[in-house]
Amino acid sequence: DLNVKWVASQKGLGYDVESVGLVESGVQIPSRFIEVKATTRITKPDSQSLKFMFSFNLTRNEWHAAETYLDEFYIYVVSLSRLNRTIYMFKNPYKKYHEGKLSLSAPTYDAKISAEYVDNKIKL
């Protein structure tokens, strides 16, 4: 008895799919929060090779959801090619990061600062 909802249109959640299971008392509890990443390829990824690296972008909201939901948070990387469609599932990326199994880098930062902290202003 699973209830699966596509929630990607709701801003700020940090995941695309919510899977809810029923417990015996009839109370619904969340069982998975899933962020979906899709990639198109010409060839099937060589996921059997230990050198193969999956690469995808995570937003701040997605990373916050990973930190919040831990073992209930999954990233599904959907690999699409003409000959193959495969879903690779990664449970608890937050834990994997702290175990050194997942790396993060921030090529850009979304910086914001209040106008009250302007040190100097030059009118042109």
PDB file of N, CA and C in Angstrom:
ATOM      1  N   ASP A   1       0.838  -1.195   0.000  1.00  0.00           N
ATOM      2  CA  ASP A   1       0.000   0.000   0.000  1.00  0.00           C
ATOM      3  C   ASP A   1       0.877   1.250   0.000  1.00  0.00           C
ATOM      4  N   LEU A   2       1.369   1.613  -1.154  1.00  0.00           N
ATOM      5  CA  LEU A   2       2.193   2.809  -1.259  1.00  0.00           C
ATOM      6  C   LEU A   2       1.424   3.931  -1.929  1.00  0.00           C
ATOM      7  N   ASN A   3       1.655   5.116  -1.464  1.00  0.00           N
ATOM      8  CA  ASN A   3       1.081   6.303  -2.059  1.00  0.00           C
ATOM      9  C   ASN A   3       2.255   7.124  -2.584  1.00  0.00           C
ATOM     10  N   VAL A   4       2.405   7.217  -3.901  1.00  0.00           N
ATOM     11  CA  VAL A   4       3.519   7.924  -4.511  1.00  0.00           C
ATOM     12  C   VAL A   4       3.002   9.221  -5.119  1.00  0.00           C
ATOM     13  N   LYS A   5       3.654  10.331  -4.768  1.00  0.00           N
ATOM     14  CA  LYS A   5       3.227  11.648  -5.252  1.00  0.00           C
ATOM     15  C   LYS A   5       4.385  12.346  -5.936  1.00  0.00           C
ATOM     16  N   TRP A   6       4.122  12.923  -7.102  1.00  0.00           N
ATOM     17  CA  TRP A   6       5.077  13.781  -7.776  1.00  0.00           C
ATOM     18  C   TRP A   6       4.869  15.184  -7.211  1.00  0.00           C
ATOM     19  N   VAL A   7       5.854  15.696  -6.477  1.00  0.00           N
ATOM     20  CA  VAL A   7       5.712  16.971  -5.775  1.00  0.00           C
ATOM     21  C   VAL A   7       6.699  18.028  -6.268  1.00  0.00           C
ATOM     22  N   ALA A   8       7.333  17.772  -7.401  1.00  0.00           N
ATOM     23  CA  ALA A   8       8.382  18.659  -7.906  1.00  0.00           C
ATOM     24  C   ALA A   8       7.894  20.085  -8.150  1.00  0.00           C
ATOM     25  N   SER A   9       6.608  20.262  -8.417  1.00  0.00           N
ATOM     26  CA  SER A   9       6.092  21.608  -8.691  1.00  0.00           C
ATOM     27  C   SER A   9       5.970  22.453  -7.418  1.00  0.00           C
ATOM     28  N   GLN A  10       6.070  21.828  -6.255  1.00  0.00           N
ATOM     29  CA  GLN A  10       6.027  22.572  -4.991  1.00  0.00           C
ATOM     30  C   GLN A  10       7.421  23.114  -4.694  1.00  0.00           C
ATOM     31  N   LYS A  11       7.565  24.403  -4.663  1.00  0.00           N
ATOM     32  CA  LYS A  11       8.861  25.044  -4.477  1.00  0.00           C
ATOM     33  C   LYS A  11       9.400  24.825  -3.062  1.00  0.00           C
ATOM     34  N   GLY A  12      10.705  24.617  -2.988  1.00  0.00           N
ATOM     35  CA  GLY A  12      11.386  24.590  -1.698  1.00  0.00           C
ATOM     36  C   GLY A  12      11.435  23.266  -0.983  1.00  0.00           C
ATOM     37  N   LEU A  13      10.861  22.199  -1.532  1.00  0.00           N
ATOM     38  CA  LEU A  13      10.871  20.915  -0.833  1.00  0.00           C
ATOM     39  C   LEU A  13      12.244  20.248  -0.873  1.00  0.00           C
ATOM     40  N   GLY A  14      12.922  20.342  -2.007  1.00  0.00           N
ATOM     41  CA  GLY A  14      14.225  19.718  -2.140  1.00  0.00           C
ATOM     42  C   GLY A  14      14.182  18.290  -2.641  1.00  0.00           C
ATOM     43  N   TYR A  15      13.044  17.860  -3.113  1.00  0.00           N
ATOM     44  CA  TYR A  15      12.897  16.531  -3.705  1.00  0.00           C
ATOM     45  C   TYR A  15      11.729  16.552  -4.679  1.00  0.00           C
ATOM     46  N   ASP A  16      11.684  15.541  -5.553  1.00  0.00           N
ATOM     47  CA  ASP A  16      10.681  15.496  -6.614  1.00  0.00           C
ATOM     48  C   ASP A  16       9.533  14.531  -6.343  1.00  0.00           C
ATOM     49  N   VAL A  17       9.816  13.439  -5.632  1.00  0.00           N
ATOM     50  CA  VAL A  17       8.838  12.376  -5.417  1.00  0.00           C
ATOM     51  C   VAL A  17       8.774  12.057  -3.933  1.00  0.00           C
ATOM     52  N   GLU A  18       7.563  11.877  -3.453  1.00  0.00           N
ATOM     53  CA  GLU A  18       7.334  11.486  -2.069  1.00  0.00           C
ATOM     54  C   GLU A  18       6.595  10.156  -2.076  1.00  0.00           C
ATOM     55  N   SER A  19       7.176   9.175  -1.434  1.00  0.00           N
ATOM     56  CA  SER A  19       6.570   7.857  -1.343  1.00  0.00           C
ATOM     57  C   SER A  19       6.114   7.653   0.099  1.00  0.00           C
ATOM     58  N   VAL A  20       4.830   7.410   0.279  1.00  0.00           N
ATOM     59  CA  VAL A  20       4.267   7.286   1.624  1.00  0.00           C
ATOM     60  C   VAL A  20       3.698   5.892   1.797  1.00  0.00           C
ATOM     61  N   GLY A  21       4.077   5.209   2.856  1.00  0.00           N
ATOM     62  CA  GLY A  21       3.558   3.874   3.145  1.00  0.00           C
ATOM     63  C   GLY A  21       2.558   3.905   4.278  1.00  0.00           C
ATOM     64  N   LEU A  22       1.740   2.887   4.371  1.00  0.00           N
ATOM     65  CA  LEU A  22       0.767   2.787   5.454  1.00  0.00           C
ATOM     66  C   LEU A  22       1.303   1.872   6.548  1.00  0.00           C
ATOM     67  N   VAL A  23       1.174   2.296   7.788  1.00  0.00           N
ATOM     68  CA  VAL A  23       1.515   1.412   8.901  1.00  0.00           C
ATOM     69  C   VAL A  23       0.242   0.733   9.363  1.00  0.00           C
ATOM     70  N   GLU A  24       0.361  -0.268  10.213  1.00  0.00           N
ATOM     71  CA  GLU A  24      -0.793  -1.089  10.594  1.00  0.00           C
ATOM     72  C   GLU A  24      -1.912  -0.302  11.258  1.00  0.00           C
ATOM     73  N   SER A  25      -1.578   0.753  11.969  1.00  0.00           N
ATOM     74  CA  SER A  25      -2.612   1.536  12.642  1.00  0.00           C
ATOM     75  C   SER A  25      -3.396   2.423  11.677  1.00  0.00           C
ATOM     76  N   GLY A  26      -2.998   2.435  10.403  1.00  0.00           N
ATOM     77  CA  GLY A  26      -3.686   3.252   9.418  1.00  0.00           C
ATOM     78  C   GLY A  26      -3.096   4.633   9.274  1.00  0.00           C
ATOM     79  N   VAL A  27      -2.072   4.951  10.066  1.00  0.00           N
ATOM     80  CA  VAL A  27      -1.422   6.247   9.990  1.00  0.00           C
ATOM     81  C   VAL A  27      -0.384   6.214   8.861  1.00  0.00           C
ATOM     82  N   GLN A  28      -0.382   7.238   8.019  1.00  0.00           N
ATOM     83  CA  GLN A  28       0.586   7.294   6.932  1.00  0.00           C
ATOM     84  C   GLN A  28       1.892   7.905   7.417  1.00  0.00           C
ATOM     85  N   ILE A  29       2.993   7.268   7.068  1.00  0.00           N
ATOM     86  CA  ILE A  29       4.303   7.813   7.396  1.00  0.00           C
ATOM     87  C   ILE A  29       5.130   7.919   6.110  1.00  0.00           C
ATOM     88  N   PRO A  30       5.921   8.978   5.972  1.00  0.00           N
ATOM     89  CA  PRO A  30       6.786   9.081   4.793  1.00  0.00           C
ATOM     90  C   PRO A  30       7.837   7.989   4.818  1.00  0.00           C
ATOM     91  N   SER A  31       8.064   7.361   3.684  1.00  0.00           N
ATOM     92  CA  SER A  31       9.077   6.325   3.644  1.00  0.00           C
ATOM     93  C   SER A  31      10.248   6.698   2.750  1.00  0.00           C
ATOM     94  N   ARG A  32      10.010   7.533   1.730  1.00  0.00           N
ATOM     95  CA  ARG A  32      11.096   7.978   0.864  1.00  0.00           C
ATOM     96  C   ARG A  32      10.819   9.372   0.315  1.00  0.00           C
ATOM     97  N   PHE A  33      11.879  10.167   0.305  1.00  0.00           N
ATOM     98  CA  PHE A  33      11.876  11.452  -0.370  1.00  0.00           C
ATOM     99  C   PHE A  33      12.920  11.328  -1.471  1.00  0.00           C
ATOM    100  N   ILE A  34      12.504  11.469  -2.721  1.00  0.00           N
ATOM    101  CA  ILE A  34      13.362  11.121  -3.843  1.00  0.00           C
ATOM    102  C   ILE A  34      13.620  12.346  -4.715  1.00  0.00           C
ATOM    103  N   GLU A  35      14.884  12.652  -4.905  1.00  0.00           N
ATOM    104  CA  GLU A  35      15.298  13.673  -5.862  1.00  0.00           C
ATOM    105  C   GLU A  35      15.706  12.949  -7.140  1.00  0.00           C
ATOM    106  N   VAL A  36      15.117  13.340  -8.267  1.00  0.00           N
ATOM    107  CA  VAL A  36      15.376  12.667  -9.540  1.00  0.00           C
ATOM    108  C   VAL A  36      16.300  13.526 -10.394  1.00  0.00           C
ATOM    109  N   LYS A  37      17.373  12.918 -10.860  1.00  0.00           N
ATOM    110  CA  LYS A  37      18.311  13.559 -11.779  1.00  0.00           C
ATOM    111  C   LYS A  37      18.324  12.727 -13.051  1.00  0.00           C
ATOM    112  N   ALA A  38      18.129  13.361 -14.191  1.00  0.00           N
ATOM    113  CA  ALA A  38      18.100  12.627 -15.458  1.00  0.00           C
ATOM    114  C   ALA A  38      19.268  13.053 -16.330  1.00  0.00           C
ATOM    115  N   THR A  39      19.809  12.085 -17.042  1.00  0.00           N
ATOM    116  CA  THR A  39      20.894  12.354 -17.976  1.00  0.00           C
ATOM    117  C   THR A  39      20.675  11.545 -19.239  1.00  0.00           C
ATOM    118  N   THR A  40      20.995  12.138 -20.368  1.00  0.00           N
ATOM    119  CA  THR A  40      20.936  11.398 -21.623  1.00  0.00           C
ATOM    120  C   THR A  40      22.362  11.079 -22.043  1.00  0.00           C
ATOM    121  N   ARG A  41      22.525   9.891 -22.582  1.00  0.00           N
ATOM    122  CA  ARG A  41      23.850   9.420 -22.963  1.00  0.00           C
ATOM    123  C   ARG A  41      23.766   8.748 -24.322  1.00  0.00           C
ATOM    124  N   ILE A  42      24.891   8.717 -24.997  1.00  0.00           N
ATOM    125  CA  ILE A  42      24.975   7.972 -26.251  1.00  0.00           C
ATOM    126  C   ILE A  42      25.175   6.492 -25.937  1.00  0.00           C
ATOM    127  N   THR A  43      25.957   6.217 -24.902  1.00  0.00           N
ATOM    128  CA  THR A  43      26.244   4.834 -24.508  1.00  0.00           C
ATOM    129  C   THR A  43      25.784   4.597 -23.081  1.00  0.00           C
ATOM    130  N   LYS A  44      25.662   3.346 -22.715  1.00  0.00           N
ATOM    131  CA  LYS A  44      25.311   2.971 -21.350  1.00  0.00           C
ATOM    132  C   LYS A  44      26.488   3.293 -20.433  1.00  0.00           C
ATOM    133  N   PRO A  45      26.238   3.906 -19.249  1.00  0.00           N
ATOM    134  CA  PRO A  45      27.353   4.182 -18.343  1.00  0.00           C
ATOM    135  C   PRO A  45      27.983   2.880 -17.843  1.00  0.00           C
ATOM    136  N   ASP A  46      29.283   2.874 -17.700  1.00  0.00           N
ATOM    137  CA  ASP A  46      29.999   1.689 -17.233  1.00  0.00           C
ATOM    138  C   ASP A  46      30.001   1.682 -15.706  1.00  0.00           C
ATOM    139  N   SER A  47      28.817   1.493 -15.120  1.00  0.00           N
ATOM    140  CA  SER A  47      28.697   1.556 -13.660  1.00  0.00           C
ATOM    141  C   SER A  47      29.357   0.370 -12.972  1.00  0.00           C
ATOM    142  N   GLN A  48      29.765  -0.645 -13.720  1.00  0.00           N
ATOM    143  CA  GLN A  48      30.488  -1.777 -13.136  1.00  0.00           C
ATOM    144  C   GLN A  48      31.943  -1.415 -12.861  1.00  0.00           C
ATOM    145  N   SER A  49      32.452  -0.415 -13.562  1.00  0.00           N
ATOM    146  CA  SER A  49      33.827   0.030 -13.357  1.00  0.00           C
ATOM    147  C   SER A  49      33.906   0.875 -12.094  1.00  0.00           C
ATOM    148  N   LEU A  50      34.861   0.580 -11.232  1.00  0.00           N
ATOM    149  CA  LEU A  50      35.019   1.350 -10.004  1.00  0.00           C
ATOM    150  C   LEU A  50      35.497   2.776 -10.276  1.00  0.00           C
ATOM    151  N   LYS A  51      35.969   3.039 -11.485  1.00  0.00           N
ATOM    152  CA  LYS A  51      36.450   4.371 -11.843  1.00  0.00           C
ATOM    153  C   LYS A  51      35.333   5.267 -12.379  1.00  0.00           C
ATOM    154  N   PHE A  52      34.178   4.693 -12.701  1.00  0.00           N
ATOM    155  CA  PHE A  52      33.075   5.485 -13.244  1.00  0.00           C
ATOM    156  C   PHE A  52      32.524   6.407 -12.166  1.00  0.00           C
ATOM    157  N   MET A  53      32.280   7.664 -12.516  1.00  0.00           N
ATOM    158  CA  MET A  53      31.746   8.644 -11.570  1.00  0.00           C
ATOM    159  C   MET A  53      30.418   9.180 -12.090  1.00  0.00           C
ATOM    160  N   PHE A  54      29.402   9.155 -11.250  1.00  0.00           N
ATOM    161  CA  PHE A  54      28.144   9.818 -11.558  1.00  0.00           C
ATOM    162  C   PHE A  54      28.325  11.284 -11.202  1.00  0.00           C
ATOM    163  N   SER A  55      27.822  12.159 -12.042  1.00  0.00           N
ATOM    164  CA  SER A  55      27.940  13.586 -11.804  1.00  0.00           C
ATOM    165  C   SER A  55      26.564  14.225 -11.980  1.00  0.00           C
ATOM    166  N   PHE A  56      26.163  15.032 -11.008  1.00  0.00           N
ATOM    167  CA  PHE A  56      24.874  15.719 -11.072  1.00  0.00           C
ATOM    168  C   PHE A  56      24.949  16.951 -10.193  1.00  0.00           C
ATOM    169  N   ASN A  57      24.032  17.864 -10.394  1.00  0.00           N
ATOM    170  CA  ASN A  57      23.969  19.090  -9.601  1.00  0.00           C
ATOM    171  C   ASN A  57      22.935  18.951  -8.499  1.00  0.00           C
ATOM    172  N   LEU A  58      23.244  19.524  -7.362  1.00  0.00           N
ATOM    173  CA  LEU A  58      22.303  19.582  -6.240  1.00  0.00           C
ATOM    174  C   LEU A  58      22.093  21.036  -5.847  1.00  0.00           C
ATOM    175  N   THR A  59      20.853  21.409  -5.615  1.00  0.00           N
ATOM    176  CA  THR A  59      20.567  22.749  -5.114  1.00  0.00           C
ATOM    177  C   THR A  59      20.723  22.763  -3.602  1.00  0.00           C
ATOM    178  N   ARG A  60      20.733  23.958  -3.055  1.00  0.00           N
ATOM    179  CA  ARG A  60      20.803  24.112  -1.599  1.00  0.00           C
ATOM    180  C   ARG A  60      19.604  23.424  -0.930  1.00  0.00           C
ATOM    181  N   ASN A  61      18.415  23.561  -1.520  1.00  0.00           N
ATOM    182  CA  ASN A  61      17.216  22.919  -0.961  1.00  0.00           C
ATOM    183  C   ASN A  61      17.330  21.400  -0.997  1.00  0.00           C
ATOM    184  N   GLU A  62      17.877  20.862  -2.081  1.00  0.00           N
ATOM    185  CA  GLU A  62      18.041  19.408  -2.192  1.00  0.00           C
ATOM    186  C   GLU A  62      19.017  18.893  -1.143  1.00  0.00           C
ATOM    187  N   TRP A  63      20.129  19.632  -0.947  1.00  0.00           N
ATOM    188  CA  TRP A  63      21.100  19.209   0.064  1.00  0.00           C
ATOM    189  C   TRP A  63      20.502  19.324   1.467  1.00  0.00           C
ATOM    190  N   HIS A  64      19.723  20.362   1.706  1.00  0.00           N
ATOM    191  CA  HIS A  64      19.059  20.507   3.004  1.00  0.00           C
ATOM    192  C   HIS A  64      18.087  19.350   3.250  1.00  0.00           C
ATOM    193  N   ALA A  65      17.354  18.939   2.222  1.00  0.00           N
ATOM    194  CA  ALA A  65      16.440  17.789   2.348  1.00  0.00           C
ATOM    195  C   ALA A  65      17.230  16.517   2.641  1.00  0.00           C
ATOM    196  N   ALA A  66      18.386  16.352   1.998  1.00  0.00           N
ATOM    197  CA  ALA A  66      19.234  15.177   2.272  1.00  0.00           C
ATOM    198  C   ALA A  66      19.674  15.166   3.729  1.00  0.00           C
ATOM    199  N   GLU A  67      20.031  16.332   4.242  1.00  0.00           N
ATOM    200  CA  GLU A  67      20.453  16.446   5.644  1.00  0.00           C
ATOM    201  C   GLU A  67      19.285  16.211   6.599  1.00  0.00           C
ATOM    202  N   THR A  68      18.107  16.644   6.224  1.00  0.00           N
ATOM    203  CA  THR A  68      16.918  16.519   7.079  1.00  0.00           C
ATOM    204  C   THR A  68      16.392  15.092   7.131  1.00  0.00           C
ATOM    205  N   TYR A  69      16.283  14.439   5.977  1.00  0.00           N
ATOM    206  CA  TYR A  69      15.615  13.140   5.901  1.00  0.00           C
ATOM    207  C   TYR A  69      16.559  11.941   5.969  1.00  0.00           C
ATOM    208  N   LEU A  70      17.869  12.156   5.832  1.00  0.00           N
ATOM    209  CA  LEU A  70      18.899  11.127   6.005  1.00  0.00           C
ATOM    210  C   LEU A  70      18.569   9.818   5.291  1.00  0.00           C
ATOM    211  N   ASP A  71      18.274   8.745   6.016  1.00  0.00           N
ATOM    212  CA  ASP A  71      18.027   7.436   5.407  1.00  0.00           C
ATOM    213  C   ASP A  71      16.741   7.373   4.587  1.00  0.00           C
ATOM    214  N   GLU A  72      15.873   8.360   4.733  1.00  0.00           N
ATOM    215  CA  GLU A  72      14.649   8.399   3.936  1.00  0.00           C
ATOM    216  C   GLU A  72      14.834   9.187   2.648  1.00  0.00           C
ATOM    217  N   PHE A  73      16.018   9.775   2.455  1.00  0.00           N
ATOM    218  CA  PHE A  73      16.284  10.588   1.264  1.00  0.00           C
ATOM    219  C   PHE A  73      17.101   9.789   0.259  1.00  0.00           C
ATOM    220  N   TYR A  74      16.660   9.809  -0.990  1.00  0.00           N
ATOM    221  CA  TYR A  74      17.329   9.088  -2.072  1.00  0.00           C
ATOM    222  C   TYR A  74      17.554  10.022  -3.250  1.00  0.00           C
ATOM    223  N   ILE A  75      18.620   9.791  -3.969  1.00  0.00           N
ATOM    224  CA  ILE A  75      18.806  10.407  -5.275  1.00  0.00           C
ATOM    225  C   ILE A  75      18.704   9.296  -6.294  1.00  0.00           C
ATOM    226  N   TYR A  76      17.813   9.472  -7.267  1.00  0.00           N
ATOM    227  CA  TYR A  76      17.684   8.535  -8.373  1.00  0.00           C
ATOM    228  C   TYR A  76      18.292   9.210  -9.602  1.00  0.00           C
ATOM    229  N   VAL A  77      19.351   8.641 -10.129  1.00  0.00           N
ATOM    230  CA  VAL A  77      19.932   9.130 -11.367  1.00  0.00           C
ATOM    231  C   VAL A  77      19.371   8.265 -12.488  1.00  0.00           C
ATOM    232  N   VAL A  78      18.595   8.887 -13.367  1.00  0.00           N
ATOM    233  CA  VAL A  78      17.968   8.181 -14.475  1.00  0.00           C
ATOM    234  C   VAL A  78      18.840   8.392 -15.710  1.00  0.00           C
ATOM    235  N   SER A  79      19.423   7.320 -16.196  1.00  0.00           N
ATOM    236  CA  SER A  79      20.292   7.361 -17.364  1.00  0.00           C
ATOM    237  C   SER A  79      19.504   6.880 -18.579  1.00  0.00           C
ATOM    238  N   LEU A  80      19.395   7.747 -19.578  1.00  0.00           N
ATOM    239  CA  LEU A  80      18.603   7.434 -20.762  1.00  0.00           C
ATOM    240  C   LEU A  80      19.511   7.401 -21.989  1.00  0.00           C
ATOM    241  N   SER A  81      19.426   6.341 -22.742  1.00  0.00           N
ATOM    242  CA  SER A  81      20.102   6.262 -24.033  1.00  0.00           C
ATOM    243  C   SER A  81      19.164   5.559 -25.000  1.00  0.00           C
ATOM    244  N   ARG A  82      19.545   5.500 -26.253  1.00  0.00           N
ATOM    245  CA  ARG A  82      18.680   4.852 -27.241  1.00  0.00           C
ATOM    246  C   ARG A  82      18.470   3.379 -26.921  1.00  0.00           C
ATOM    247  N   LEU A  83      19.484   2.742 -26.352  1.00  0.00           N
ATOM    248  CA  LEU A  83      19.430   1.301 -26.119  1.00  0.00           C
ATOM    249  C   LEU A  83      19.144   0.903 -24.677  1.00  0.00           C
ATOM    250  N   ASN A  84      19.205   1.868 -23.767  1.00  0.00           N
ATOM    251  CA  ASN A  84      19.126   1.493 -22.365  1.00  0.00           C
ATOM    252  C   ASN A  84      18.511   2.610 -21.529  1.00  0.00           C
ATOM    253  N   ARG A  85      17.712   2.210 -20.565  1.00  0.00           N
ATOM    254  CA  ARG A  85      17.178   3.127 -19.557  1.00  0.00           C
ATOM    255  C   ARG A  85      17.415   2.476 -18.204  1.00  0.00           C
ATOM    256  N   THR A  86      18.162   3.155 -17.361  1.00  0.00           N
ATOM    257  CA  THR A  86      18.528   2.585 -16.072  1.00  0.00           C
ATOM    258  C   THR A  86      18.378   3.633 -14.989  1.00  0.00           C
ATOM    259  N   ILE A  87      17.899   3.214 -13.823  1.00  0.00           N
ATOM    260  CA  ILE A  87      17.819   4.089 -12.659  1.00  0.00           C
ATOM    261  C   ILE A  87      18.852   3.604 -11.647  1.00  0.00           C
ATOM    262  N   TYR A  88      19.726   4.517 -11.220  1.00  0.00           N
ATOM    263  CA  TYR A  88      20.715   4.234 -10.188  1.00  0.00           C
ATOM    264  C   TYR A  88      20.269   4.958  -8.925  1.00  0.00           C
ATOM    265  N   MET A  89      20.133   4.226  -7.828  1.00  0.00           N
ATOM    266  CA  MET A  89      19.596   4.787  -6.595  1.00  0.00           C
ATOM    267  C   MET A  89      20.696   4.962  -5.555  1.00  0.00           C
ATOM    268  N   PHE A  90      20.738   6.134  -4.947  1.00  0.00           N
ATOM    269  CA  PHE A  90      21.709   6.441  -3.898  1.00  0.00           C
ATOM    270  C   PHE A  90      20.947   6.852  -2.636  1.00  0.00           C
ATOM    271  N   LYS A  91      21.078   6.058  -1.604  1.00  0.00           N
ATOM    272  CA  LYS A  91      20.406   6.325  -0.329  1.00  0.00           C
ATOM    273  C   LYS A  91      21.310   7.174   0.557  1.00  0.00           C
ATOM    274  N   ASN A  92      20.713   8.138   1.235  1.00  0.00           N
ATOM    275  CA  ASN A  92      21.372   8.986   2.220  1.00  0.00           C
ATOM    276  C   ASN A  92      22.686   9.592   1.716  1.00  0.00           C
ATOM    277  N   PRO A  93      22.610  10.484   0.716  1.00  0.00           N
ATOM    278  CA  PRO A  93      23.831  11.122   0.226  1.00  0.00           C
ATOM    279  C   PRO A  93      24.535  11.950   1.295  1.00  0.00           C
ATOM    280  N   TYR A  94      23.805  12.445   2.275  1.00  0.00           N
ATOM    281  CA  TYR A  94      24.421  13.220   3.358  1.00  0.00           C
ATOM    282  C   TYR A  94      25.409  12.353   4.137  1.00  0.00           C
ATOM    283  N   LYS A  95      25.017  11.130   4.451  1.00  0.00           N
ATOM    284  CA  LYS A  95      25.903  10.189   5.135  1.00  0.00           C
ATOM    285  C   LYS A  95      27.085   9.820   4.242  1.00  0.00           C
ATOM    286  N   LYS A  96      26.803   9.579   2.959  1.00  0.00           N
ATOM    287  CA  LYS A  96      27.876   9.227   2.022  1.00  0.00           C
ATOM    288  C   LYS A  96      28.914  10.350   1.942  1.00  0.00           C
ATOM    289  N   TYR A  97      28.460  11.595   2.000  1.00  0.00           N
ATOM    290  CA  TYR A  97      29.376  12.731   1.993  1.00  0.00           C
ATOM    291  C   TYR A  97      30.286  12.688   3.221  1.00  0.00           C
ATOM    292  N   HIS A  98      29.724  12.467   4.385  1.00  0.00           N
ATOM    293  CA  HIS A  98      30.507  12.454   5.622  1.00  0.00           C
ATOM    294  C   HIS A  98      31.399  11.214   5.738  1.00  0.00           C
ATOM    295  N   GLU A  99      31.098  10.191   4.985  1.00  0.00           N
ATOM    296  CA  GLU A  99      31.956   8.999   4.942  1.00  0.00           C
ATOM    297  C   GLU A  99      33.031   9.112   3.854  1.00  0.00           C
ATOM    298  N   GLY A 100      33.029  10.210   3.112  1.00  0.00           N
ATOM    299  CA  GLY A 100      34.003  10.413   2.045  1.00  0.00           C
ATOM    300  C   GLY A 100      33.670   9.674   0.765  1.00  0.00           C
ATOM    301  N   LYS A 101      32.437   9.228   0.615  1.00  0.00           N
ATOM    302  CA  LYS A 101      32.021   8.476  -0.574  1.00  0.00           C
ATOM    303  C   LYS A 101      31.402   9.362  -1.642  1.00  0.00           C
ATOM    304  N   LEU A 102      31.032  10.584  -1.298  1.00  0.00           N
ATOM    305  CA  LEU A 102      30.430  11.540  -2.221  1.00  0.00           C
ATOM    306  C   LEU A 102      31.168  12.853  -2.027  1.00  0.00           C
ATOM    307  N   SER A 103      31.536  13.491  -3.102  1.00  0.00           N
ATOM    308  CA  SER A 103      32.218  14.780  -2.973  1.00  0.00           C
ATOM    309  C   SER A 103      31.309  15.894  -3.482  1.00  0.00           C
ATOM    310  N   LEU A 104      31.493  17.054  -2.907  1.00  0.00           N
ATOM    311  CA  LEU A 104      30.737  18.239  -3.291  1.00  0.00           C
ATOM    312  C   LEU A 104      31.717  19.359  -3.609  1.00  0.00           C
ATOM    313  N   SER A 105      31.393  20.126  -4.615  1.00  0.00           N
ATOM    314  CA  SER A 105      32.155  21.341  -4.888  1.00  0.00           C
ATOM    315  C   SER A 105      31.168  22.412  -5.306  1.00  0.00           C
ATOM    316  N   ALA A 106      31.490  23.621  -4.975  1.00  0.00           N
ATOM    317  CA  ALA A 106      30.597  24.738  -5.294  1.00  0.00           C
ATOM    318  C   ALA A 106      31.278  25.653  -6.301  1.00  0.00           C
ATOM    319  N   PRO A 107      30.951  25.497  -7.587  1.00  0.00           N
ATOM    320  CA  PRO A 107      31.595  26.343  -8.586  1.00  0.00           C
ATOM    321  C   PRO A 107      31.143  27.801  -8.504  1.00  0.00           C
ATOM    322  N   THR A 108      29.938  28.045  -8.006  1.00  0.00           N
ATOM    323  CA  THR A 108      29.447  29.411  -7.832  1.00  0.00           C
ATOM    324  C   THR A 108      28.682  29.489  -6.520  1.00  0.00           C
ATOM    325  N   TYR A 109      28.540  30.687  -6.014  1.00  0.00           N
ATOM    326  CA  TYR A 109      27.779  30.922  -4.797  1.00  0.00           C
ATOM    327  C   TYR A 109      26.684  31.928  -5.097  1.00  0.00           C
ATOM    328  N   ASP A 110      25.515  31.712  -4.566  1.00  0.00           N
ATOM    329  CA  ASP A 110      24.413  32.653  -4.682  1.00  0.00           C
ATOM    330  C   ASP A 110      24.518  33.593  -3.483  1.00  0.00           C
ATOM    331  N   ALA A 111      25.194  34.721  -3.660  1.00  0.00           N
ATOM    332  CA  ALA A 111      25.473  35.637  -2.553  1.00  0.00           C
ATOM    333  C   ALA A 111      24.391  36.704  -2.451  1.00  0.00           C
ATOM    334  N   LYS A 112      24.015  37.011  -1.214  1.00  0.00           N
ATOM    335  CA  LYS A 112      23.047  38.075  -0.945  1.00  0.00           C
ATOM    336  C   LYS A 112      23.551  38.842   0.273  1.00  0.00           C
ATOM    337  N   ILE A 113      23.409  40.162   0.236  1.00  0.00           N
ATOM    338  CA  ILE A 113      23.792  40.994   1.371  1.00  0.00           C
ATOM    339  C   ILE A 113      22.844  42.181   1.432  1.00  0.00           C
ATOM    340  N   SER A 114      22.467  42.553   2.614  1.00  0.00           N
ATOM    341  CA  SER A 114      21.532  43.651   2.808  1.00  0.00           C
ATOM    342  C   SER A 114      22.186  44.991   2.447  1.00  0.00           C
ATOM    343  N   ALA A 115      21.387  45.909   1.939  1.00  0.00           N
ATOM    344  CA  ALA A 115      21.879  47.237   1.575  1.00  0.00           C
ATOM    345  C   ALA A 115      22.427  47.983   2.785  1.00  0.00           C
ATOM    346  N   GLU A 116      21.990  47.636   3.976  1.00  0.00           N
ATOM    347  CA  GLU A 116      22.475  48.329   5.179  1.00  0.00           C
ATOM    348  C   GLU A 116      23.954  48.063   5.454  1.00  0.00           C
ATOM    349  N   TYR A 117      24.533  47.068   4.792  1.00  0.00           N
ATOM    350  CA  TYR A 117      25.937  46.733   5.022  1.00  0.00           C
ATOM    351  C   TYR A 117      26.865  47.264   3.941  1.00  0.00           C
ATOM    352  N   VAL A 118      26.376  48.178   3.101  1.00  0.00           N
ATOM    353  CA  VAL A 118      27.209  48.795   2.078  1.00  0.00           C
ATOM    354  C   VAL A 118      28.287  49.611   2.782  1.00  0.00           C
ATOM    355  N   ASP A 119      29.550  49.383   2.417  1.00  0.00           N
ATOM    356  CA  ASP A 119      30.660  50.110   3.032  1.00  0.00           C
ATOM    357  C   ASP A 119      30.911  51.466   2.365  1.00  0.00           C
ATOM    358  N   ASN A 120      30.637  51.532   1.072  1.00  0.00           N
ATOM    359  CA  ASN A 120      30.876  52.740   0.349  1.00  0.00           C
ATOM    360  C   ASN A 120      29.975  52.776  -0.869  1.00  0.00           C
ATOM    361  N   LYS A 121      29.585  53.957  -1.287  1.00  0.00           N
ATOM    362  CA  LYS A 121      28.727  54.084  -2.467  1.00  0.00           C
ATOM    363  C   LYS A 121      29.297  55.201  -3.330  1.00  0.00           C
ATOM    364  N   ILE A 122      29.470  54.908  -4.601  1.00  0.00           N
ATOM    365  CA  ILE A 122      29.976  55.913  -5.544  1.00  0.00           C
ATOM    366  C   ILE A 122      28.904  56.130  -6.596  1.00  0.00           C
ATOM    367  N   LYS A 123      28.409  57.348  -6.667  1.00  0.00           N
ATOM    368  CA  LYS A 123      27.383  57.676  -7.669  1.00  0.00           C
ATOM    369  C   LYS A 123      28.083  58.081  -8.948  1.00  0.00           C
ATOM    370  N   LEU A 124      27.698  57.445 -10.050  1.00  0.00           N
ATOM    371  CA  LEU A 124      28.311  57.754 -11.347  1.00  0.00           C
ATOM    372  C   LEU A 124      27.413  58.639 -12.175  1.00  0.00           C
TER     373      LEU A 124
END
